[in-house]
Amino acid sequence: MSFYGTKSSKYAKDCYVPIKHYNNIKSNITLGANTSAILLSDPKLILFTLSKYKFAGKHINKSDIVLEIGCMDGFASLLLSSFCKELIAVDFYQSHIQDAKKYICEHVENIEFKGLDFLESEFDLEFDFCVSFDVLEHIDPKQSDLFIDKVFAALKHDGSAIIGVPSLNAQRYTSNVNKNSHINCKSRQSRLCELRKKFKKVYVYSMNDEVVHTGYFEMAQYEIYLCIK
């Protein structure tokens, strides 16, 4: 290995081992267009997204078959797949799935990316767990119940789902682009009522930046609903 400079000791240099030298990963990964744009324009959003997925992963068993709804170009799917046996990741935006298949599939064996409109989806298997972050707020409010019905139907009889959405209170502080695209934001109580029409138990968590908690909901930037079938 080569180093810049001469001041650092030979001992320190001899002990330094880059991760790539011992984790047996020989290739580099290319990020999809959407993730690349986020990383270059507002990189902290990558941290927030991965925090959500880590929280979801803690509720998943290694033997589970998981459905991810709204996988974008698959960068967070990499994290989610490390918690489960098999991950089916879907999105309705064609270029997201094209990038996911092009850049992510070669690096992991337990993810299958599918391009489909979840509102018209039918699956040949039932899932132990469903994960959906930053999707429901983009669903036409008239089709909100249909989305929840589809999540419910995709689960096994003892399955669970995590659904994450921006809070209604936070919308006043977000950009105009987000305000225009977040067409299905509701109060926490309205969202709870909506989910409890289908699910036996619903637990709600708050999120501020990368921190998930059970604190004061009126200050939450984001809400995460754990739904038990």
C-alpha atoms as a PDB file:
ATOM      1  CA  MET A   1       0.000   0.000   0.000  1.00  0.00           C
ATOM      2  CA  SER A   2       1.137   3.546  -0.719  1.00  0.00           C
ATOM      3  CA  PHE A   3       0.680   6.555   1.557  1.00  0.00           C
ATOM      4  CA  TYR A   4       1.055  10.308   1.233  1.00  0.00           C
ATOM      5  CA  GLY A   5       3.685  11.973   3.396  1.00  0.00           C
ATOM      6  CA  THR A   6       6.380  10.662   5.721  1.00  0.00           C
ATOM      7  CA  LYS A   7       5.380  11.870   9.195  1.00  0.00           C
ATOM      8  CA  SER A   8       3.001   9.016  10.119  1.00  0.00           C
ATOM      9  CA  SER A   9       4.921   6.082  11.617  1.00  0.00           C
ATOM     10  CA  LYS A  10       5.669   2.837   9.832  1.00  0.00           C
ATOM     11  CA  TYR A  11       3.818   1.072  12.671  1.00  0.00           C
ATOM     12  CA  ALA A  12       0.616   3.038  11.982  1.00  0.00           C
ATOM     13  CA  LYS A  13       0.916   2.372   8.275  1.00  0.00           C
ATOM     14  CA  ASP A  14       1.561  -1.343   8.775  1.00  0.00           C
ATOM     15  CA  CYS A  15      -1.524  -1.631  10.988  1.00  0.00           C
ATOM     16  CA  TYR A  16      -3.829   0.245   8.631  1.00  0.00           C
ATOM     17  CA  VAL A  17      -5.978  -2.109   6.535  1.00  0.00           C
ATOM     18  CA  PRO A  18      -8.728  -0.697   4.242  1.00  0.00           C
ATOM     19  CA  ILE A  19     -12.031  -2.525   4.511  1.00  0.00           C
ATOM     20  CA  LYS A  20     -11.807  -3.570   0.857  1.00  0.00           C
ATOM     21  CA  HIS A  21      -8.748  -5.695   1.699  1.00  0.00           C
ATOM     22  CA  TYR A  22     -10.545  -8.009   4.118  1.00  0.00           C
ATOM     23  CA  ASN A  23     -14.274  -8.148   3.281  1.00  0.00           C
ATOM     24  CA  ASN A  24     -13.804 -10.010  -0.015  1.00  0.00           C
ATOM     25  CA  ILE A  25     -15.735  -7.394  -2.024  1.00  0.00           C
ATOM     26  CA  LYS A  26     -13.920  -7.013  -5.326  1.00  0.00           C
ATOM     27  CA  SER A  27     -16.254  -4.683  -7.232  1.00  0.00           C
ATOM     28  CA  ASN A  28     -17.466  -1.112  -6.827  1.00  0.00           C
ATOM     29  CA  ILE A  29     -21.141  -0.145  -6.889  1.00  0.00           C
ATOM     30  CA  THR A  30     -22.771   2.449  -9.141  1.00  0.00           C
ATOM     31  CA  LEU A  31     -25.717   4.351  -7.699  1.00  0.00           C
ATOM     32  CA  GLY A  32     -28.894   4.908  -9.675  1.00  0.00           C
ATOM     33  CA  ALA A  33     -29.803   8.316 -11.060  1.00  0.00           C
ATOM     34  CA  ASN A  34     -32.290   9.113  -8.281  1.00  0.00           C
ATOM     35  CA  THR A  35     -29.933   8.222  -5.427  1.00  0.00           C
ATOM     36  CA  SER A  36     -27.051  10.015  -7.129  1.00  0.00           C
ATOM     37  CA  ALA A  37     -29.167  13.166  -7.395  1.00  0.00           C
ATOM     38  CA  ILE A  38     -30.098  12.977  -3.707  1.00  0.00           C
ATOM     39  CA  LEU A  39     -26.507  12.399  -2.635  1.00  0.00           C
ATOM     40  CA  LEU A  40     -25.259  15.368  -4.640  1.00  0.00           C
ATOM     41  CA  SER A  41     -28.077  17.793  -3.794  1.00  0.00           C
ATOM     42  CA  ASP A  42     -28.989  16.942  -0.171  1.00  0.00           C
ATOM     43  CA  PRO A  43     -26.844  14.073   1.155  1.00  0.00           C
ATOM     44  CA  LYS A  44     -28.377  14.068   4.639  1.00  0.00           C
ATOM     45  CA  LEU A  45     -31.537  12.558   3.079  1.00  0.00           C
ATOM     46  CA  ILE A  46     -29.535   9.373   2.449  1.00  0.00           C
ATOM     47  CA  LEU A  47     -28.931   9.109   6.196  1.00  0.00           C
ATOM     48  CA  PHE A  48     -32.608   9.717   6.982  1.00  0.00           C
ATOM     49  CA  THR A  49     -33.713   7.044   4.510  1.00  0.00           C
ATOM     50  CA  LEU A  50     -31.264   4.432   5.760  1.00  0.00           C
ATOM     51  CA  SER A  51     -32.342   5.154   9.352  1.00  0.00           C
ATOM     52  CA  LYS A  52     -35.940   4.312   8.431  1.00  0.00           C
ATOM     53  CA  TYR A  53     -34.898   1.091   6.768  1.00  0.00           C
ATOM     54  CA  LYS A  54     -32.702   0.080   9.700  1.00  0.00           C
ATOM     55  CA  PHE A  55     -35.675   0.627  12.016  1.00  0.00           C
ATOM     56  CA  ALA A  56     -37.831  -1.566   9.779  1.00  0.00           C
ATOM     57  CA  GLY A  57     -35.125  -4.212   9.601  1.00  0.00           C
ATOM     58  CA  LYS A  58     -35.100  -4.610  13.378  1.00  0.00           C
ATOM     59  CA  HIS A  59     -38.675  -5.958  13.124  1.00  0.00           C
ATOM     60  CA  ILE A  60     -37.786  -8.567  10.486  1.00  0.00           C
ATOM     61  CA  ASN A  61     -36.607 -12.133  11.020  1.00  0.00           C
ATOM     62  CA  LYS A  62     -33.778 -13.664   8.999  1.00  0.00           C
ATOM     63  CA  SER A  63     -36.196 -16.285   7.674  1.00  0.00           C
ATOM     64  CA  ASP A  64     -38.777 -13.748   6.432  1.00  0.00           C
ATOM     65  CA  ILE A  65     -39.856 -13.119   2.877  1.00  0.00           C
ATOM     66  CA  VAL A  66     -40.333  -9.357   2.598  1.00  0.00           C
ATOM     67  CA  LEU A  67     -42.103  -7.053   0.164  1.00  0.00           C
ATOM     68  CA  GLU A  68     -40.749  -3.530  -0.317  1.00  0.00           C
ATOM     69  CA  ILE A  69     -43.247  -1.153  -1.912  1.00  0.00           C
ATOM     70  CA  GLY A  70     -41.635   1.847  -3.577  1.00  0.00           C
ATOM     71  CA  CYS A  71     -38.009   0.742  -3.772  1.00  0.00           C
ATOM     72  CA  MET A  72     -36.814   3.593  -6.042  1.00  0.00           C
ATOM     73  CA  ASP A  73     -33.474   2.548  -7.571  1.00  0.00           C
ATOM     74  CA  GLY A  74     -32.731   0.028  -4.854  1.00  0.00           C
ATOM     75  CA  PHE A  75     -30.044   1.615  -2.694  1.00  0.00           C
ATOM     76  CA  ALA A  76     -32.046   1.149   0.541  1.00  0.00           C
ATOM     77  CA  SER A  77     -33.085  -2.327  -0.610  1.00  0.00           C
ATOM     78  CA  LEU A  78     -29.467  -3.343  -0.054  1.00  0.00           C
ATOM     79  CA  LEU A  79     -29.842  -2.599   3.649  1.00  0.00           C
ATOM     80  CA  LEU A  80     -33.292  -4.169   3.930  1.00  0.00           C
ATOM     81  CA  SER A  81     -32.141  -7.373   2.224  1.00  0.00           C
ATOM     82  CA  SER A  82     -29.516  -7.913   4.926  1.00  0.00           C
ATOM     83  CA  PHE A  83     -32.294  -8.510   7.475  1.00  0.00           C
ATOM     84  CA  CYS A  84     -34.345 -11.110   5.589  1.00  0.00           C
ATOM     85  CA  LYS A  85     -34.201 -14.322   3.578  1.00  0.00           C
ATOM     86  CA  GLU A  86     -35.736 -12.900   0.399  1.00  0.00           C
ATOM     87  CA  LEU A  87     -36.804  -9.433  -0.702  1.00  0.00           C
ATOM     88  CA  ILE A  88     -39.229  -8.599  -3.498  1.00  0.00           C
ATOM     89  CA  ALA A  89     -38.807  -4.881  -4.254  1.00  0.00           C
ATOM     90  CA  VAL A  90     -41.321  -3.084  -6.478  1.00  0.00           C
ATOM     91  CA  ASP A  91     -41.795   0.376  -7.943  1.00  0.00           C
ATOM     92  CA  PHE A  92     -44.056   1.848 -10.619  1.00  0.00           C
ATOM     93  CA  TYR A  93     -41.492   4.281 -12.044  1.00  0.00           C
ATOM     94  CA  GLN A  94     -39.725   2.544 -14.896  1.00  0.00           C
ATOM     95  CA  SER A  95     -36.298   4.202 -14.702  1.00  0.00           C
ATOM     96  CA  HIS A  96     -36.030   3.358 -10.971  1.00  0.00           C
ATOM     97  CA  ILE A  97     -36.431  -0.356 -11.667  1.00  0.00           C
ATOM     98  CA  GLN A  98     -34.140  -0.213 -14.691  1.00  0.00           C
ATOM     99  CA  ASP A  99     -31.390   1.321 -12.542  1.00  0.00           C
ATOM    100  CA  ALA A 100     -32.006  -1.149  -9.704  1.00  0.00           C
ATOM    101  CA  LYS A 101     -31.682  -4.120 -12.048  1.00  0.00           C
ATOM    102  CA  LYS A 102     -28.627  -2.624 -13.724  1.00  0.00           C
ATOM    103  CA  TYR A 103     -26.659  -1.537 -10.670  1.00  0.00           C
ATOM    104  CA  ILE A 104     -27.886  -3.456  -7.597  1.00  0.00           C
ATOM    105  CA  CYS A 105     -28.772  -6.999  -8.722  1.00  0.00           C
ATOM    106  CA  GLU A 106     -25.195  -8.017  -9.463  1.00  0.00           C
ATOM    107  CA  HIS A 107     -24.186  -7.341  -5.854  1.00  0.00           C
ATOM    108  CA  VAL A 108     -26.881  -9.308  -3.971  1.00  0.00           C
ATOM    109  CA  GLU A 109     -28.622 -12.617  -4.556  1.00  0.00           C
ATOM    110  CA  ASN A 110     -31.728 -12.290  -2.371  1.00  0.00           C
ATOM    111  CA  ILE A 111     -33.400  -9.258  -4.024  1.00  0.00           C
ATOM    112  CA  GLU A 112     -35.799  -9.429  -6.966  1.00  0.00           C
ATOM    113  CA  PHE A 113     -36.789  -6.082  -8.469  1.00  0.00           C
ATOM    114  CA  LYS A 114     -40.160  -5.838 -10.212  1.00  0.00           C
ATOM    115  CA  GLY A 115     -41.713  -2.968 -12.100  1.00  0.00           C
ATOM    116  CA  LEU A 116     -45.438  -2.744 -11.421  1.00  0.00           C
ATOM    117  CA  ASP A 117     -48.260  -0.534 -10.238  1.00  0.00           C
ATOM    118  CA  PHE A 118     -48.845  -1.781  -6.696  1.00  0.00           C
ATOM    119  CA  LEU A 119     -52.513  -0.769  -6.845  1.00  0.00           C
ATOM    120  CA  GLU A 120     -53.100  -3.461  -9.472  1.00  0.00           C
ATOM    121  CA  SER A 121     -50.664  -6.006  -8.050  1.00  0.00           C
ATOM    122  CA  GLU A 122     -51.316  -9.696  -7.437  1.00  0.00           C
ATOM    123  CA  PHE A 123     -48.630 -11.922  -5.940  1.00  0.00           C
ATOM    124  CA  ASP A 124     -48.162 -15.685  -6.095  1.00  0.00           C
ATOM    125  CA  LEU A 125     -46.981 -15.786  -2.475  1.00  0.00           C
ATOM    126  CA  GLU A 126     -47.831 -14.124   0.812  1.00  0.00           C
ATOM    127  CA  PHE A 127     -45.239 -12.078   2.660  1.00  0.00           C
ATOM    128  CA  ASP A 128     -44.112 -12.156   6.266  1.00  0.00           C
ATOM    129  CA  PHE A 129     -43.477  -8.425   6.241  1.00  0.00           C
ATOM    130  CA  CYS A 130     -44.159  -5.407   4.040  1.00  0.00           C
ATOM    131  CA  VAL A 131     -42.152  -2.175   4.071  1.00  0.00           C
ATOM    132  CA  SER A 132     -43.352   1.044   2.451  1.00  0.00           C
ATOM    133  CA  PHE A 133     -41.611   4.353   3.068  1.00  0.00           C
ATOM    134  CA  ASP A 134     -42.514   7.597   1.292  1.00  0.00           C
ATOM    135  CA  VAL A 135     -45.211   6.048  -0.913  1.00  0.00           C
ATOM    136  CA  LEU A 136     -48.624   6.555   0.659  1.00  0.00           C
ATOM    137  CA  GLU A 137     -48.339  10.355   0.572  1.00  0.00           C
ATOM    138  CA  HIS A 138     -48.050  10.077  -3.232  1.00  0.00           C
ATOM    139  CA  ILE A 139     -51.198   7.954  -3.594  1.00  0.00           C
ATOM    140  CA  ASP A 140     -54.402   9.641  -4.758  1.00  0.00           C
ATOM    141  CA  PRO A 141     -56.473  10.143  -1.568  1.00  0.00           C
ATOM    142  CA  LYS A 142     -59.375   8.421  -3.334  1.00  0.00           C
ATOM    143  CA  GLN A 143     -57.175   5.309  -3.648  1.00  0.00           C
ATOM    144  CA  SER A 144     -55.698   5.395  -0.159  1.00  0.00           C
ATOM    145  CA  ASP A 145     -57.959   2.601   1.101  1.00  0.00           C
ATOM    146  CA  LEU A 146     -57.090   0.514  -1.969  1.00  0.00           C
ATOM    147  CA  PHE A 147     -53.384   0.852  -1.189  1.00  0.00           C
ATOM    148  CA  ILE A 148     -53.952  -0.306   2.387  1.00  0.00           C
ATOM    149  CA  ASP A 149     -56.147  -3.181   1.185  1.00  0.00           C
ATOM    150  CA  LYS A 150     -53.356  -4.296  -1.139  1.00  0.00           C
ATOM    151  CA  VAL A 151     -50.791  -4.226   1.688  1.00  0.00           C
ATOM    152  CA  PHE A 152     -53.129  -6.223   3.901  1.00  0.00           C
ATOM    153  CA  ALA A 153     -53.811  -8.796   1.164  1.00  0.00           C
ATOM    154  CA  ALA A 154     -50.106  -9.282   0.454  1.00  0.00           C
ATOM    155  CA  LEU A 155     -49.378 -10.376   4.030  1.00  0.00           C
ATOM    156  CA  LYS A 156     -49.599 -13.788   5.639  1.00  0.00           C
ATOM    157  CA  HIS A 157     -52.263 -14.173   8.335  1.00  0.00           C
ATOM    158  CA  ASP A 158     -49.691 -13.292  11.009  1.00  0.00           C
ATOM    159  CA  GLY A 159     -47.760 -10.801   8.894  1.00  0.00           C
ATOM    160  CA  SER A 160     -46.910  -7.183   9.676  1.00  0.00           C
ATOM    161  CA  ALA A 161     -46.213  -4.001   7.745  1.00  0.00           C
ATOM    162  CA  ILE A 162     -44.350  -0.776   8.330  1.00  0.00           C
ATOM    163  CA  ILE A 163     -45.692   2.274   6.520  1.00  0.00           C
ATOM    164  CA  GLY A 164     -43.857   5.591   6.763  1.00  0.00           C
ATOM    165  CA  VAL A 165     -45.128   9.004   5.656  1.00  0.00           C
ATOM    166  CA  PRO A 166     -44.214  12.658   6.233  1.00  0.00           C
ATOM    167  CA  SER A 167     -46.282  14.260   8.967  1.00  0.00           C
ATOM    168  CA  LEU A 168     -49.025  16.703   8.079  1.00  0.00           C
ATOM    169  CA  ASN A 169     -47.534  19.285  10.457  1.00  0.00           C
ATOM    170  CA  ALA A 170     -44.203  19.208   8.615  1.00  0.00           C
ATOM    171  CA  GLN A 171     -45.748  20.072   5.266  1.00  0.00           C
ATOM    172  CA  ARG A 172     -45.801  23.784   6.058  1.00  0.00           C
ATOM    173  CA  TYR A 173     -41.985  23.748   6.197  1.00  0.00           C
ATOM    174  CA  THR A 174     -41.251  21.622   3.146  1.00  0.00           C
ATOM    175  CA  SER A 175     -40.423  22.739  -0.394  1.00  0.00           C
ATOM    176  CA  ASN A 176     -43.068  23.613  -2.962  1.00  0.00           C
ATOM    177  CA  VAL A 177     -42.053  20.554  -4.978  1.00  0.00           C
ATOM    178  CA  ASN A 178     -42.822  18.299  -2.012  1.00  0.00           C
ATOM    179  CA  LYS A 179     -46.028  20.141  -1.198  1.00  0.00           C
ATOM    180  CA  ASN A 180     -47.268  19.564  -4.736  1.00  0.00           C
ATOM    181  CA  SER A 181     -46.272  15.892  -4.826  1.00  0.00           C
ATOM    182  CA  HIS A 182     -47.423  14.992  -1.292  1.00  0.00           C
ATOM    183  CA  ILE A 183     -51.071  14.712  -2.263  1.00  0.00           C
ATOM    184  CA  ASN A 184     -52.136  12.364   0.538  1.00  0.00           C
ATOM    185  CA  CYS A 185     -50.873  13.781   3.834  1.00  0.00           C
ATOM    186  CA  LYS A 186     -53.239  13.420   6.784  1.00  0.00           C
ATOM    187  CA  SER A 187     -53.293  14.062  10.494  1.00  0.00           C
ATOM    188  CA  ARG A 188     -51.942  11.296  12.694  1.00  0.00           C
ATOM    189  CA  GLN A 189     -55.423  10.511  14.011  1.00  0.00           C
ATOM    190  CA  SER A 190     -56.900  10.310  10.513  1.00  0.00           C
ATOM    191  CA  ARG A 191     -54.093   8.015   9.387  1.00  0.00           C
ATOM    192  CA  LEU A 192     -54.542   5.799  12.436  1.00  0.00           C
ATOM    193  CA  CYS A 193     -58.284   5.496  11.761  1.00  0.00           C
ATOM    194  CA  GLU A 194     -57.548   4.638   8.135  1.00  0.00           C
ATOM    195  CA  LEU A 195     -55.090   1.874   9.046  1.00  0.00           C
ATOM    196  CA  ARG A 196     -57.139   0.488  11.932  1.00  0.00           C
ATOM    197  CA  LYS A 197     -60.011  -0.243   9.562  1.00  0.00           C
ATOM    198  CA  LYS A 198     -57.895  -3.143   8.259  1.00  0.00           C
ATOM    199  CA  PHE A 199     -55.204  -3.990  10.791  1.00  0.00           C
ATOM    200  CA  LYS A 200     -55.754  -5.496  14.222  1.00  0.00           C
ATOM    201  CA  LYS A 201     -53.094  -3.376  15.913  1.00  0.00           C
ATOM    202  CA  VAL A 202     -51.342  -0.199  14.771  1.00  0.00           C
ATOM    203  CA  TYR A 203     -48.429   1.362  16.652  1.00  0.00           C
ATOM    204  CA  VAL A 204     -47.167   4.801  15.660  1.00  0.00           C
ATOM    205  CA  TYR A 205     -43.660   6.228  15.989  1.00  0.00           C
ATOM    206  CA  SER A 206     -42.294   9.717  15.358  1.00  0.00           C
ATOM    207  CA  MET A 207     -39.142  10.587  13.474  1.00  0.00           C
ATOM    208  CA  ASN A 208     -37.053  13.757  13.443  1.00  0.00           C
ATOM    209  CA  ASP A 209     -34.053  13.713  11.130  1.00  0.00           C
ATOM    210  CA  GLU A 210     -32.527  10.238  11.611  1.00  0.00           C
ATOM    211  CA  VAL A 211     -33.957   9.663  15.115  1.00  0.00           C
ATOM    212  CA  VAL A 212     -37.002   7.393  15.544  1.00  0.00           C
ATOM    213  CA  HIS A 213     -38.817   7.889  18.849  1.00  0.00           C
ATOM    214  CA  THR A 214     -42.190   7.961  20.608  1.00  0.00           C
ATOM    215  CA  GLY A 215     -42.041  11.622  21.550  1.00  0.00           C
ATOM    216  CA  TYR A 216     -44.305  14.602  21.030  1.00  0.00           C
ATOM    217  CA  PHE A 217     -46.155  13.908  17.794  1.00  0.00           C
ATOM    218  CA  GLU A 218     -46.926  17.541  17.006  1.00  0.00           C
ATOM    219  CA  MET A 219     -43.208  18.155  16.444  1.00  0.00           C
ATOM    220  CA  ALA A 220     -42.619  15.051  14.311  1.00  0.00           C
ATOM    221  CA  GLN A 221     -41.305  15.515  10.789  1.00  0.00           C
ATOM    222  CA  TYR A 222     -42.188  11.951   9.875  1.00  0.00           C
ATOM    223  CA  GLU A 223     -44.491   9.197  11.122  1.00  0.00           C
ATOM    224  CA  ILE A 224     -43.944   5.434  11.016  1.00  0.00           C
ATOM    225  CA  TYR A 225     -46.854   3.042  11.506  1.00  0.00           C
ATOM    226  CA  LEU A 226     -46.249  -0.567  12.549  1.00  0.00           C
ATOM    227  CA  CYS A 227     -49.331  -2.478  11.412  1.00  0.00           C
ATOM    228  CA  ILE A 228     -50.126  -5.970  12.755  1.00  0.00           C
ATOM    229  CA  LYS A 229     -52.456  -8.126  10.684  1.00  0.00           C
END
